[in-house]
């Protein structure tokens, strides 16, 4: 064909289409044969295999077990690679028969504008002159390059479609199991791309232009989509687990297995996080009172221990399938956001109290008291949010190199996506810090309610007995609640957190009193019987002095209590009726 100058015309687009059609037919026949062989080998009986082989090829592939699918996939990939090698050998043969410099033919008077022979010329018995030109030869090479690219791309896409036929089964696999399927596709991708690059090096010096893309781009896209579907299935199962964990938790602190402490330390270690977890020993587990993170300790609930397990499983997913590390980490951040929202509904919005109330109603009927979220539950929830907020920046630093492990053509995109995920880490951390701040505000409101619920302003003071002026019942209730909350907070929270909670609660009580009796108030409400009573200021001065006497015995908040009672005393003396006798009696407590 080359001697007769017919090679360019033979390698026409119709020839390429014919070859592609034949290759696709051969591929489906080979796939059907491999599939039936896999089914027959496992079934053990020919009748069973024949029954299983009924239906379309996609249906048969869907019936393969996991082990059968691996065998099918390996053999089919090997078949495609063998055919690809034969195609390369065919092209190499053509190249070897077409010298780069065709000057001898040109000396014989061949014209570059000479028309190609027709089909009738090819069938003619007469011999044609040697009229091959460099331009015509290069066109033939270009057609050969397009033949290879089109054929191999189509075949790799077809075996990718066979994988997609098992999408439902693939979503149920563990990451390590799906990774075995990816290994076969990676082998096909690497070998096909290597052949493609080798062919480009042979033909590009002759002026042949190849497409910019890779012949494996279709297969890469299919496998990436299949992997993302597996990621999404895994992610949805963890979302469901997180919701169940929050719903069943009573938000009381639990003792922590040392295995969780080691897990935390692994996840914030940039080297350990990229390695598979070692097998846990069979030794008896040791229990700790709290989780340690750097120099801080956190009393946590069982829900956050479940969250830690889920987070490690996400990181293991990244280790097993590094090509989707950024996608997995984005799903992890979504899980953390959902966990935060579920927790907010359960504690701040009273979800756990409503659940307890509903269970109590079913057990005892309608004669029950309304349940409320306790201060202890608020504190434990704040510790949980504080732990996650402190943990996420450390996890971000450790996980960033793992998200940037994607190499090859996608390396730049991987770094860009990793940067985006890092920004989302910061956003989620801020959401947890805001949640903890809201919980602290809720605890501050508990202090205020202790006085308001006790009707310090509405119910009158107890009557004098033998020259003794008993404090208002609301004051006694307030001091009792403060003492209990102080002991509980000091046992769990950091000193500065305890001080900030009491300082904010004291400030709100002072502000409430200022609004009740301050300038511009005018007449007191009818409901404010304690304020409307004659010489009410005398009793409020004694109440403030009583609170000061007890609160300054609590070391961590003594200074805040002294400042607060000074402010209350100033407001009472300025705006309520206080006799001169009482002023003199409590002169030492009255701020100048």
Protein backbone atom coordinates (compact mmCIF):
# COMPACT_ATOMS: atom_id res chain seq x y z
CA UNK A 1 0.00 0.00 0.00
CA UNK A 2 2.82 2.40 0.80
CA UNK A 3 4.64 1.60 -2.46
CA UNK A 4 1.47 2.28 -4.38
CA UNK A 5 0.86 5.50 -2.42
CA UNK A 6 -2.48 4.09 -1.20
CA UNK A 7 -1.79 3.95 2.53
CA UNK A 8 -3.28 7.40 3.34
CA UNK A 9 -6.48 6.54 1.53
CA UNK A 10 -6.82 3.15 3.19
CA UNK A 11 -6.40 4.71 6.63
CA UNK A 12 -9.53 6.74 6.09
CA UNK A 13 -12.06 7.60 8.81
CA UNK A 14 -14.29 4.79 7.54
CA UNK A 15 -11.48 2.32 8.26
CA UNK A 16 -11.14 3.74 11.77
CA UNK A 17 -14.88 3.40 12.35
CA UNK A 18 -14.82 -0.18 11.08
CA UNK A 19 -11.94 -1.08 13.38
CA UNK A 20 -13.67 0.56 16.35
CA UNK A 21 -16.87 -1.31 15.68
CA UNK A 22 -15.03 -4.62 15.47
CA UNK A 23 -13.10 -3.91 18.68
CA UNK A 24 -16.28 -3.07 20.61
CA UNK A 25 -17.97 -6.23 19.40
CA UNK A 26 -14.96 -8.32 20.35
CA UNK A 27 -14.81 -6.65 23.77
CA UNK A 28 -18.44 -7.44 24.60
CA UNK A 29 -17.99 -11.03 23.42
CA UNK A 30 -14.88 -11.38 25.56
CA UNK A 31 -16.68 -9.82 28.56
CA UNK A 32 -19.63 -12.19 28.15
CA UNK A 33 -17.31 -15.20 27.97
CA UNK A 34 -15.32 -14.13 31.06
CA UNK A 35 -18.53 -13.42 32.98
CA UNK A 36 -20.05 -16.82 32.20
CA UNK A 37 -16.78 -18.53 33.14
CA UNK A 38 -16.73 -16.76 36.50
CA UNK A 39 -20.36 -17.69 37.20
CA UNK A 40 -19.79 -21.32 36.15
CA UNK A 41 -16.63 -21.67 38.26
CA UNK A 42 -18.43 -20.56 41.42
CA UNK A 43 -21.78 -22.20 40.75
CA UNK A 44 -20.21 -25.64 40.46
CA UNK A 45 -23.05 -26.95 38.31
CA UNK A 46 -23.57 -26.15 34.66
CA UNK A 47 -27.35 -25.81 35.08
CA UNK A 48 -26.92 -23.17 37.76
CA UNK A 49 -24.38 -21.26 35.69
CA UNK A 50 -26.66 -21.38 32.66
CA UNK A 51 -29.53 -20.04 34.74
CA UNK A 52 -27.39 -17.23 36.11
CA UNK A 53 -26.08 -16.33 32.64
CA UNK A 54 -29.54 -15.42 31.36
CA UNK A 55 -30.32 -11.78 30.68
CA UNK A 56 -28.26 -8.93 29.32
CA UNK A 57 -24.53 -8.65 29.88
CA UNK A 58 -25.01 -5.83 32.41
CA UNK A 59 -27.50 -8.00 34.30
CA UNK A 60 -25.02 -10.89 34.37
CA UNK A 61 -22.27 -8.60 35.65
CA UNK A 62 -24.61 -7.36 38.36
CA UNK A 63 -25.10 -10.96 39.56
CA UNK A 64 -21.39 -11.54 40.15
CA UNK A 65 -20.25 -11.86 43.72
CA UNK A 66 -17.46 -9.63 45.00
CA UNK A 67 -14.81 -12.30 44.40
CA UNK A 68 -16.23 -13.10 40.96
CA UNK A 69 -16.26 -9.42 40.04
CA UNK A 70 -12.56 -9.09 40.91
CA UNK A 71 -11.72 -12.08 38.72
CA UNK A 72 -13.89 -10.71 35.90
CA UNK A 73 -12.34 -7.27 36.17
CA UNK A 74 -8.73 -8.53 36.17
CA UNK A 75 -9.22 -10.77 33.14
CA UNK A 76 -11.10 -8.13 31.15
CA UNK A 77 -8.44 -5.49 31.84
CA UNK A 78 -5.74 -7.94 30.77
CA UNK A 79 -7.70 -8.66 27.55
CA UNK A 80 -7.97 -4.95 26.71
CA UNK A 81 -4.29 -4.34 27.39
CA UNK A 82 -3.31 -7.26 25.14
CA UNK A 83 -5.42 -5.84 22.33
CA UNK A 84 -3.93 -2.40 22.91
CA UNK A 85 -0.43 -3.84 22.62
CA UNK A 86 -1.36 -5.56 19.33
CA UNK A 87 -2.68 -2.27 18.01
CA UNK A 88 0.58 -0.54 18.94
CA UNK A 89 2.52 -3.35 17.24
CA UNK A 90 0.42 -2.84 14.09
CA UNK A 91 1.17 0.89 14.09
CA UNK A 92 4.88 0.21 14.71
CA UNK A 93 4.86 -2.10 11.67
CA UNK A 94 3.40 0.63 9.49
CA UNK A 95 5.91 3.17 10.77
CA UNK A 96 8.81 0.83 10.11
CA UNK A 97 7.74 0.44 6.44
CA UNK A 98 7.48 4.21 5.91
CA UNK A 99 10.87 5.92 5.93
CA UNK A 100 11.03 9.48 7.16
CA UNK A 101 12.73 10.82 4.03
CA UNK A 102 11.01 9.85 0.78
CA UNK A 103 13.39 11.76 -1.53
CA UNK A 104 13.91 8.89 -4.02
CA UNK A 105 10.24 8.86 -4.85
CA UNK A 106 10.28 12.59 -5.29
CA UNK A 107 13.19 12.37 -7.77
CA UNK A 108 11.07 10.15 -9.97
CA UNK A 109 8.85 13.14 -10.65
CA UNK A 110 6.09 12.54 -8.17
CA UNK A 111 4.02 15.61 -7.51
CA UNK A 112 2.68 16.50 -4.07
CA UNK A 113 -0.52 17.56 -5.79
CA UNK A 114 -0.99 14.16 -7.40
CA UNK A 115 -4.42 12.68 -6.67
CA UNK A 116 -4.73 9.46 -4.71
CA UNK A 117 -5.64 6.32 -6.68
CA UNK A 118 -9.22 5.21 -6.64
CA UNK A 119 -10.57 1.81 -5.73
CA UNK A 120 -10.62 0.88 -9.41
CA UNK A 121 -6.93 1.75 -9.65
CA UNK A 122 -6.16 -0.52 -6.72
CA UNK A 123 -7.93 -3.44 -8.38
CA UNK A 124 -6.18 -2.83 -11.73
CA UNK A 125 -3.55 -5.37 -12.74
CA UNK A 126 -1.16 -2.66 -13.92
CA UNK A 127 1.53 -1.52 -11.46
CA UNK A 128 1.34 2.03 -10.12
CA UNK A 129 4.37 4.30 -9.89
CA UNK A 130 6.09 5.08 -6.59
CA UNK A 131 4.48 8.42 -5.83
CA UNK A 132 4.45 8.60 -2.04
CA UNK A 133 5.09 12.06 -0.60
CA UNK A 134 6.16 13.07 2.91
CA UNK A 135 2.92 14.96 3.34
CA UNK A 136 0.80 11.91 2.46
CA UNK A 137 2.87 9.70 4.75
CA UNK A 138 2.46 12.08 7.66
CA UNK A 139 -1.28 12.14 7.04
CA UNK A 140 -1.28 8.35 7.28
CA UNK A 141 0.62 8.56 10.56
CA UNK A 142 -1.90 11.07 11.90
CA UNK A 143 -4.73 8.69 10.99
CA UNK A 144 -2.92 5.88 12.80
CA UNK A 145 -2.54 8.06 15.91
CA UNK A 146 -6.24 8.91 15.87
CA UNK A 147 -7.06 5.23 15.36
CA UNK A 148 -5.15 4.32 18.51
CA UNK A 149 -6.58 7.15 20.61
CA UNK A 150 -10.17 6.54 19.54
CA UNK A 151 -10.02 2.77 19.92
CA UNK A 152 -8.24 2.56 23.28
CA UNK A 153 -10.34 5.39 24.76
CA UNK A 154 -13.55 3.63 23.70
CA UNK A 155 -12.43 0.26 25.08
CA UNK A 156 -11.38 1.69 28.43
CA UNK A 157 -14.67 3.54 28.66
CA UNK A 158 -16.53 0.30 27.92
CA UNK A 159 -14.87 -1.59 30.77
CA UNK A 160 -15.63 1.41 32.97
CA UNK A 161 -19.29 1.06 32.00
CA UNK A 162 -19.13 -2.57 33.10
CA UNK A 163 -17.96 -1.37 36.52
CA UNK A 164 -20.81 1.15 36.60
CA UNK A 165 -23.24 -1.74 36.01
CA UNK A 166 -22.35 -2.90 39.54
CA UNK A 167 -22.86 0.53 41.11
CA UNK A 168 -25.43 -0.73 43.62
CA UNK A 169 -23.16 -3.54 44.81
CA UNK A 170 -20.09 -1.27 44.86
CA UNK A 171 -21.75 1.19 47.23
CA UNK A 172 -22.04 -1.56 49.83
CA UNK A 173 -18.33 -2.42 49.76
CA UNK A 174 -15.80 -1.41 52.34
CA UNK A 175 -13.15 1.06 51.13
CA UNK A 176 -10.44 -1.62 51.25
CA UNK A 177 -12.57 -3.94 49.09
CA UNK A 178 -13.31 -1.25 46.52
CA UNK A 179 -9.61 -0.37 46.45
CA UNK A 180 -8.88 -3.80 44.92
CA UNK A 181 -11.13 -2.93 41.99
CA UNK A 182 -9.40 0.42 41.65
CA UNK A 183 -6.02 -1.33 41.57
CA UNK A 184 -6.94 -3.14 38.34
CA UNK A 185 -8.21 0.06 36.74
CA UNK A 186 -5.05 1.89 37.82
CA UNK A 187 -2.95 -0.78 36.11
CA UNK A 188 -4.96 -0.32 32.91
CA UNK A 189 -4.70 3.46 33.13
CA UNK A 190 -0.93 3.46 33.70
CA UNK A 191 -0.16 0.96 30.91
CA UNK A 192 -2.49 2.58 28.38
CA UNK A 193 -1.09 6.03 29.12
CA UNK A 194 2.45 4.65 28.87
CA UNK A 195 1.71 3.18 25.43
CA UNK A 196 0.12 6.45 24.39
CA UNK A 197 3.16 8.48 25.42
CA UNK A 198 5.50 6.06 23.65
CA UNK A 199 3.48 6.40 20.46
CA UNK A 200 3.49 10.18 20.74
CA UNK A 201 7.29 10.20 20.97
CA UNK A 202 7.50 8.18 17.76
CA UNK A 203 5.03 10.21 15.72
CA UNK A 204 5.23 13.80 16.97
CA UNK A 205 8.70 14.35 15.41
CA UNK A 206 7.03 13.64 12.06
CA UNK A 207 4.55 16.45 12.59
CA UNK A 208 1.66 14.34 13.91
CA UNK A 209 -0.51 16.22 16.41
CA UNK A 210 -2.20 14.21 19.16
CA UNK A 211 -5.11 15.26 21.34
CA UNK A 212 -4.19 17.00 24.59
CA UNK A 213 -6.12 14.55 26.75
CA UNK A 214 -5.27 11.09 28.00
CA UNK A 215 -6.71 7.93 26.44
CA UNK A 216 -7.76 6.85 29.95
CA UNK A 217 -9.72 10.03 30.77
CA UNK A 218 -13.10 8.34 30.31
CA UNK A 219 -12.17 5.42 32.58
CA UNK A 220 -10.71 7.81 35.17
CA UNK A 221 -13.97 9.78 35.20
CA UNK A 222 -16.11 6.66 35.62
CA UNK A 223 -13.97 5.26 38.43
CA UNK A 224 -13.88 8.64 40.17
CA UNK A 225 -17.69 8.87 40.04
CA UNK A 226 -18.00 5.32 41.37
CA UNK A 227 -15.64 6.18 44.22
CA UNK A 228 -17.62 9.32 45.05
CA UNK A 229 -20.81 7.25 45.20
CA UNK A 230 -19.07 4.95 47.69
CA UNK A 231 -17.98 8.00 49.69
CA UNK A 232 -21.53 9.34 49.77
CA UNK A 233 -22.97 5.99 50.89
CA UNK A 234 -20.37 5.78 53.66
CA UNK A 235 -21.06 9.39 54.65
CA UNK A 236 -24.82 8.95 54.91
CA UNK A 237 -24.38 5.95 57.21
CA UNK A 238 -22.22 8.07 59.55
CA UNK A 239 -24.77 10.91 59.52
CA UNK A 240 -27.44 8.45 60.65
CA UNK A 241 -25.13 7.08 63.35
CA UNK A 242 -24.34 10.58 64.65
CA UNK A 243 -28.01 11.46 64.94
CA UNK A 244 -28.77 8.24 66.81
CA UNK A 245 -25.85 8.85 69.20
CA UNK A 246 -27.09 12.35 70.06
CA UNK A 247 -30.69 11.20 70.43
CA UNK A 248 -29.92 8.44 72.94
CA UNK A 249 -27.29 10.36 74.95
CA UNK A 250 -28.39 11.72 78.34
CA UNK A 251 -25.46 14.21 78.30
CA UNK A 252 -23.80 13.01 81.44
CA UNK A 253 -20.01 12.64 81.52
CA UNK A 254 -18.55 9.18 80.91
CA UNK A 255 -15.21 7.66 81.76
CA UNK A 256 -12.93 7.44 78.74
CA UNK A 257 -11.23 4.26 77.53
CA UNK A 258 -7.51 4.87 76.97
CA UNK A 259 -8.02 3.61 73.41
CA UNK A 260 -9.81 6.88 72.64
CA UNK A 261 -6.92 8.85 74.08
CA UNK A 262 -4.51 7.05 71.75
CA UNK A 263 -6.91 7.69 68.88
CA UNK A 264 -6.89 11.42 69.58
CA UNK A 265 -3.09 11.46 69.70
CA UNK A 266 -2.86 9.60 66.37
CA UNK A 267 -5.23 11.99 64.64
CA UNK A 268 -3.21 15.08 65.56
CA UNK A 269 0.13 13.51 64.58
CA UNK A 270 0.97 14.41 60.93
CA UNK A 271 2.93 11.16 60.47
CA UNK A 272 0.70 8.73 62.36
CA UNK A 273 -2.47 10.02 60.70
CA UNK A 274 -1.26 8.80 57.30
CA UNK A 275 -0.67 5.24 58.51
CA UNK A 276 -3.28 2.51 59.09
CA UNK A 277 -4.32 2.00 62.69
CA UNK A 278 -2.45 -0.77 64.54
CA UNK A 279 -4.44 -3.70 65.83
CA UNK A 280 -5.74 -3.06 69.34
CA UNK A 281 -4.37 -5.30 72.04
CA UNK A 282 -6.36 -7.74 74.10
CA UNK A 283 -5.31 -6.17 77.40
CA UNK A 284 -7.90 -4.91 79.81
CA UNK A 285 -8.87 -1.34 78.96
CA UNK A 286 -8.03 1.47 81.39
CA UNK A 287 -10.61 4.16 82.02
CA UNK A 288 -9.81 7.82 82.50
CA UNK A 289 -11.99 10.59 83.87
CA UNK A 290 -11.54 12.85 80.83
CA UNK A 291 -9.92 13.30 77.44
CA UNK A 292 -6.58 15.10 77.35
CA UNK A 293 -5.70 17.42 74.49
CA UNK A 294 -2.28 19.03 74.81
CA UNK A 295 -2.39 20.75 78.24
CA UNK A 296 -6.19 20.74 78.62
CA UNK A 297 -8.66 18.21 79.95
CA UNK A 298 -12.25 17.74 78.82
CA UNK A 299 -15.10 15.84 80.45
CA UNK A 300 -17.02 14.43 77.50
CA UNK A 301 -20.19 12.48 76.81
CA UNK A 302 -20.56 9.18 74.96
CA UNK A 303 -21.75 10.89 71.76
CA UNK A 304 -18.39 12.58 71.21
CA UNK A 305 -16.57 9.26 71.63
CA UNK A 306 -18.71 7.88 68.83
CA UNK A 307 -17.84 11.01 66.81
CA UNK A 308 -14.13 10.33 67.31
CA UNK A 309 -14.53 6.79 65.99
CA UNK A 310 -16.34 8.11 62.92
CA UNK A 311 -13.67 10.73 62.31
CA UNK A 312 -10.95 8.07 62.37
CA UNK A 313 -12.95 5.97 59.88
CA UNK A 314 -13.06 8.97 57.54
CA UNK A 315 -9.29 9.30 57.84
CA UNK A 316 -8.84 5.58 57.15
CA UNK A 317 -10.99 6.07 54.05
CA UNK A 318 -8.55 8.78 52.91
CA UNK A 319 -5.62 6.44 53.55
CA UNK A 320 -7.23 3.61 51.56
CA UNK A 321 -8.46 5.76 48.65
CA UNK A 322 -6.18 8.82 48.53
CA UNK A 323 -7.60 9.97 45.18
CA UNK A 324 -10.74 11.21 46.96
CA UNK A 325 -9.12 12.52 50.15
CA UNK A 326 -10.45 16.06 49.73
CA UNK A 327 -13.96 14.80 49.01
CA UNK A 328 -13.86 12.60 52.10
CA UNK A 329 -12.62 15.45 54.29
CA UNK A 330 -15.41 17.70 53.00
CA UNK A 331 -17.92 15.01 54.01
CA UNK A 332 -16.25 14.82 57.42
CA UNK A 333 -16.78 18.54 57.90
CA UNK A 334 -20.42 18.08 56.90
CA UNK A 335 -20.72 15.36 59.57
CA UNK A 336 -19.24 17.73 62.16
CA UNK A 337 -21.71 20.45 61.18
CA UNK A 338 -24.61 18.03 61.46
CA UNK A 339 -23.38 16.78 64.84
CA UNK A 340 -23.20 20.38 66.04
CA UNK A 341 -26.76 21.06 64.84
CA UNK A 342 -28.13 17.87 66.41
CA UNK A 343 -26.44 18.78 69.70
CA UNK A 344 -27.81 22.32 69.61
CA UNK A 345 -31.34 20.96 69.15
CA UNK A 346 -30.88 18.38 71.91
CA UNK A 347 -29.44 20.67 74.59
CA UNK A 348 -29.87 24.36 73.84
CA UNK A 349 -33.33 23.88 72.35
CA UNK A 350 -34.39 21.40 75.03
CA UNK A 351 -34.66 18.32 72.85
CA UNK A 352 -33.46 15.94 75.56
CA UNK A 353 -35.94 17.44 78.06
CA UNK A 354 -38.79 17.03 75.61
CA UNK A 355 -37.77 13.44 74.95
CA UNK A 356 -37.61 12.69 78.68
CA UNK A 357 -40.98 14.39 79.17
CA UNK A 358 -42.55 12.31 76.41
CA UNK A 359 -41.20 9.08 77.91
CA UNK A 360 -42.45 10.11 81.35
CA UNK A 361 -45.90 10.95 79.99
CA UNK A 362 -46.21 7.50 78.46
CA UNK A 363 -45.24 5.87 81.75
CA UNK A 364 -47.15 7.98 84.28
CA UNK A 365 -49.91 9.67 82.33
CA UNK A 366 -50.44 13.43 82.46
CA UNK A 367 -49.57 14.03 86.14
CA UNK A 368 -45.92 14.88 85.69
CA UNK A 369 -43.81 17.97 86.09
CA UNK A 370 -42.32 19.58 83.03
CA UNK A 371 -38.74 18.47 82.39
CA UNK A 372 -35.93 20.95 81.77
CA UNK A 373 -32.31 20.78 80.66
CA UNK A 374 -30.14 20.81 83.77
CA UNK A 375 -27.04 22.91 84.41
CA UNK A 376 -24.96 19.72 84.54
CA UNK A 377 -26.09 18.79 81.03
CA UNK A 378 -25.25 22.30 79.83
CA UNK A 379 -21.75 22.05 81.30
CA UNK A 380 -21.05 18.63 79.79
CA UNK A 381 -22.30 19.82 76.42
CA UNK A 382 -20.05 22.88 76.63
CA UNK A 383 -17.10 20.62 77.39
CA UNK A 384 -17.93 18.51 74.35
CA UNK A 385 -18.14 21.57 72.09
CA UNK A 386 -14.94 22.95 73.60
CA UNK A 387 -13.10 19.71 72.94
CA UNK A 388 -14.13 19.61 69.27
CA UNK A 389 -13.30 23.32 68.82
CA UNK A 390 -9.81 22.75 70.26
CA UNK A 391 -9.29 19.48 68.36
CA UNK A 392 -10.19 20.62 64.83
CA UNK A 393 -7.27 23.05 64.26
CA UNK A 394 -4.83 20.30 65.28
CA UNK A 395 -6.58 17.81 62.98
CA UNK A 396 -6.46 20.32 60.13
CA UNK A 397 -2.68 20.69 60.41
CA UNK A 398 -2.18 16.91 60.50
CA UNK A 399 -4.59 16.11 57.64
CA UNK A 400 -3.47 18.80 55.15
CA UNK A 401 -0.49 16.78 53.77
CA UNK A 402 -2.77 13.78 53.30
CA UNK A 403 -5.23 15.88 51.27
CA UNK A 404 -2.37 17.05 49.03
CA UNK A 405 -1.10 13.55 48.19
CA UNK A 406 -2.96 13.47 44.88
CA UNK A 407 -0.34 13.66 42.17
CA UNK A 408 -0.18 13.61 38.39
CA UNK A 409 -2.32 15.96 36.32
CA UNK A 410 -4.60 16.74 39.24
CA UNK A 411 -1.87 17.90 41.63
CA UNK A 412 -2.60 21.61 41.21
CA UNK A 413 -6.33 21.00 41.57
CA UNK A 414 -5.72 18.89 44.67
CA UNK A 415 -3.78 21.71 46.35
CA UNK A 416 -6.53 24.16 45.48
CA UNK A 417 -9.21 21.85 46.87
CA UNK A 418 -7.13 21.23 50.00
CA UNK A 419 -6.95 24.99 50.56
CA UNK A 420 -10.73 25.21 50.29
CA UNK A 421 -11.15 22.37 52.80
CA UNK A 422 -8.77 24.15 55.20
CA UNK A 423 -10.96 27.26 55.06
CA UNK A 424 -14.00 25.09 55.84
CA UNK A 425 -12.13 23.66 58.84
CA UNK A 426 -11.83 27.19 60.23
CA UNK A 427 -15.54 27.86 59.63
CA UNK A 428 -16.62 24.67 61.42
CA UNK A 429 -14.28 25.43 64.34
CA UNK A 430 -15.90 28.85 64.73
CA UNK A 431 -19.37 27.24 64.72
CA UNK A 432 -18.37 25.01 67.64
CA UNK A 433 -16.89 27.98 69.52
CA UNK A 434 -20.13 29.93 68.99
CA UNK A 435 -22.11 26.96 70.27
CA UNK A 436 -20.00 26.78 73.42
CA UNK A 437 -20.47 30.51 73.95
CA UNK A 438 -24.24 30.07 73.66
CA UNK A 439 -24.09 27.31 76.27
CA UNK A 440 -22.19 29.61 78.61
CA UNK A 441 -24.88 32.25 78.09
CA UNK A 442 -27.48 29.63 78.95
CA UNK A 443 -25.67 28.87 82.21
CA UNK A 444 -25.55 32.57 82.99
CA UNK A 445 -29.30 32.70 82.55
CA UNK A 446 -29.63 29.93 85.12
CA UNK A 447 -28.16 32.26 87.75
CA UNK A 448 -30.59 35.01 86.79
CA UNK A 449 -33.57 32.67 86.88
CA UNK A 450 -32.71 31.61 90.42
CA UNK A 451 -33.71 35.10 91.58
CA UNK A 452 -36.50 35.67 89.09
CA UNK A 453 -38.19 32.32 89.74
CA UNK A 454 -37.95 33.02 93.46
CA UNK A 455 -39.99 36.21 92.89
CA UNK A 456 -37.46 38.50 94.57
CA UNK A 457 -39.41 41.45 93.27
CA UNK A 458 -42.97 40.17 93.58
CA UNK A 459 -43.38 38.11 96.73
CA UNK A 460 -43.13 40.14 99.95
CA UNK A 461 -40.31 39.56 102.41
CA UNK A 462 -40.88 37.37 105.50
CA UNK A 463 -42.03 39.27 108.56
CA UNK A 464 -39.60 40.31 111.27
CA UNK A 465 -39.29 37.91 114.21
CA UNK A 466 -37.72 39.05 117.47
CA UNK A 467 -35.70 41.74 115.75
CA UNK A 468 -34.42 39.33 113.12
CA UNK A 469 -35.04 40.10 109.45
CA UNK A 470 -35.01 36.83 107.52
CA UNK A 471 -33.71 37.12 103.92
CA UNK A 472 -36.11 36.72 101.03
CA UNK A 473 -36.71 33.04 100.03
CA UNK A 474 -35.48 33.87 96.53
CA UNK A 475 -32.15 34.96 98.00
CA UNK A 476 -31.76 31.69 99.88
CA UNK A 477 -32.63 29.74 96.74
CA UNK A 478 -30.18 31.85 94.73
CA UNK A 479 -27.31 31.25 97.16
CA UNK A 480 -28.04 27.54 97.34
CA UNK A 481 -28.06 27.29 93.53
CA UNK A 482 -24.87 29.37 93.26
CA UNK A 483 -23.07 27.10 95.70
CA UNK A 484 -24.05 23.95 93.83
CA UNK A 485 -23.23 25.43 90.43
CA UNK A 486 -19.90 26.74 91.71
CA UNK A 487 -18.80 23.31 92.95
CA UNK A 488 -19.95 21.62 89.74
CA UNK A 489 -18.31 24.16 87.42
CA UNK A 490 -15.03 24.21 89.35
CA UNK A 491 -14.87 20.42 89.09
CA UNK A 492 -15.32 20.44 85.29
CA UNK A 493 -14.43 23.80 83.72
CA UNK A 494 -11.32 25.92 83.65
CA UNK A 495 -11.04 28.70 86.24
CA UNK A 496 -11.41 31.53 83.72
CA UNK A 497 -14.56 29.93 82.28
CA UNK A 498 -16.13 29.67 85.73
CA UNK A 499 -15.33 33.31 86.47
CA UNK A 500 -16.73 34.53 83.14
CA UNK A 501 -20.01 32.66 83.67
CA UNK A 502 -20.58 34.11 87.15
CA UNK A 503 -19.48 37.61 86.14
CA UNK A 504 -21.92 37.66 83.23
CA UNK A 505 -24.74 36.23 85.40
CA UNK A 506 -24.12 38.80 88.15
CA UNK A 507 -24.08 41.63 85.59
CA UNK A 508 -27.45 40.55 84.20
CA UNK A 509 -29.02 40.44 87.69
CA UNK A 510 -27.72 43.98 88.38
CA UNK A 511 -29.08 45.19 85.06
CA UNK A 512 -32.49 43.67 85.82
CA UNK A 513 -32.63 45.41 89.21
CA UNK A 514 -31.59 48.70 87.59
CA UNK A 515 -34.47 48.41 85.12
CA UNK A 516 -36.91 47.64 87.94
CA UNK A 517 -36.08 50.55 90.24
CA UNK A 518 -33.90 52.94 88.25
CA UNK A 519 -34.71 56.45 87.06
CA UNK A 520 -37.70 56.85 84.78
CA UNK A 521 -39.45 53.77 86.13
CA UNK A 522 -42.15 55.73 87.96
CA UNK A 523 -44.59 53.65 89.96
CA UNK A 524 -43.82 50.00 90.51
CA UNK A 525 -46.06 47.35 88.99
CA UNK A 526 -48.88 45.96 91.09
CA UNK A 527 -47.20 42.57 90.92
CA UNK A 528 -43.99 43.89 92.50
CA UNK A 529 -45.28 43.62 96.07
CA UNK A 530 -41.81 43.40 97.59
CA UNK A 531 -40.75 46.65 95.91
CA UNK A 532 -44.00 48.42 96.83
CA UNK A 533 -43.76 47.54 100.51
CA UNK A 534 -42.99 50.38 103.00
CA UNK A 535 -39.27 50.84 103.60
CA UNK A 536 -38.62 48.11 101.02
CA UNK A 537 -35.09 49.42 100.60
CA UNK A 538 -34.23 48.29 104.14
CA UNK A 539 -35.03 44.68 103.33
CA UNK A 540 -33.19 44.75 99.99
CA UNK A 541 -30.09 46.21 101.68
CA UNK A 542 -30.16 43.31 104.16
CA UNK A 543 -30.64 40.82 101.27
CA UNK A 544 -27.64 42.20 99.42
CA UNK A 545 -25.51 42.10 102.56
CA UNK A 546 -26.61 38.50 103.17
CA UNK A 547 -25.62 37.45 99.61
CA UNK A 548 -22.27 39.24 99.93
CA UNK A 549 -21.50 37.47 103.19
CA UNK A 550 -21.98 34.04 101.62
CA UNK A 551 -20.60 34.60 98.11
CA UNK A 552 -17.23 35.99 99.19
CA UNK A 553 -16.50 32.62 100.76
CA UNK A 554 -16.21 31.15 97.24
CA UNK A 555 -12.58 31.97 96.34
CA UNK A 556 -12.80 31.84 92.55
CA UNK A 557 -15.65 34.36 92.36
CA UNK A 558 -15.08 36.36 95.58
CA UNK A 559 -13.86 39.48 93.75
CA UNK A 560 -16.69 39.32 91.21
CA UNK A 561 -19.25 38.82 94.03
CA UNK A 562 -17.90 41.80 95.95
CA UNK A 563 -18.08 44.08 92.91
CA UNK A 564 -21.56 42.82 92.10
CA UNK A 565 -22.97 43.34 95.60
CA UNK A 566 -21.41 46.81 95.66
CA UNK A 567 -23.34 47.64 92.51
CA UNK A 568 -26.60 46.20 93.93
CA UNK A 569 -26.13 48.19 97.15
CA UNK A 570 -25.57 51.39 95.18
CA UNK A 571 -28.78 50.87 93.16
CA UNK A 572 -30.90 49.98 96.22
CA UNK A 573 -29.76 52.98 98.28
CA UNK A 574 -30.11 55.35 95.32
CA UNK A 575 -33.65 54.42 94.24
CA UNK A 576 -35.43 52.68 97.15
CA UNK A 577 -36.52 53.92 100.56
CA UNK A 578 -33.71 53.14 103.00
CA UNK A 579 -33.87 54.55 106.53
CA UNK A 580 -30.95 56.35 108.07
CA UNK A 581 -30.65 53.66 110.73
CA UNK A 582 -30.12 50.95 108.12
CA UNK A 583 -27.73 53.15 106.20
CA UNK A 584 -25.58 53.50 109.28
CA UNK A 585 -25.83 49.79 110.11
CA UNK A 586 -24.48 48.79 106.70
CA UNK A 587 -22.26 51.82 106.15
CA UNK A 588 -19.19 49.63 105.80
CA UNK A 589 -20.85 47.81 102.87
CA UNK A 590 -22.11 50.92 101.16
CA UNK A 591 -19.88 52.03 98.26
CA UNK A 592 -18.85 55.71 98.35
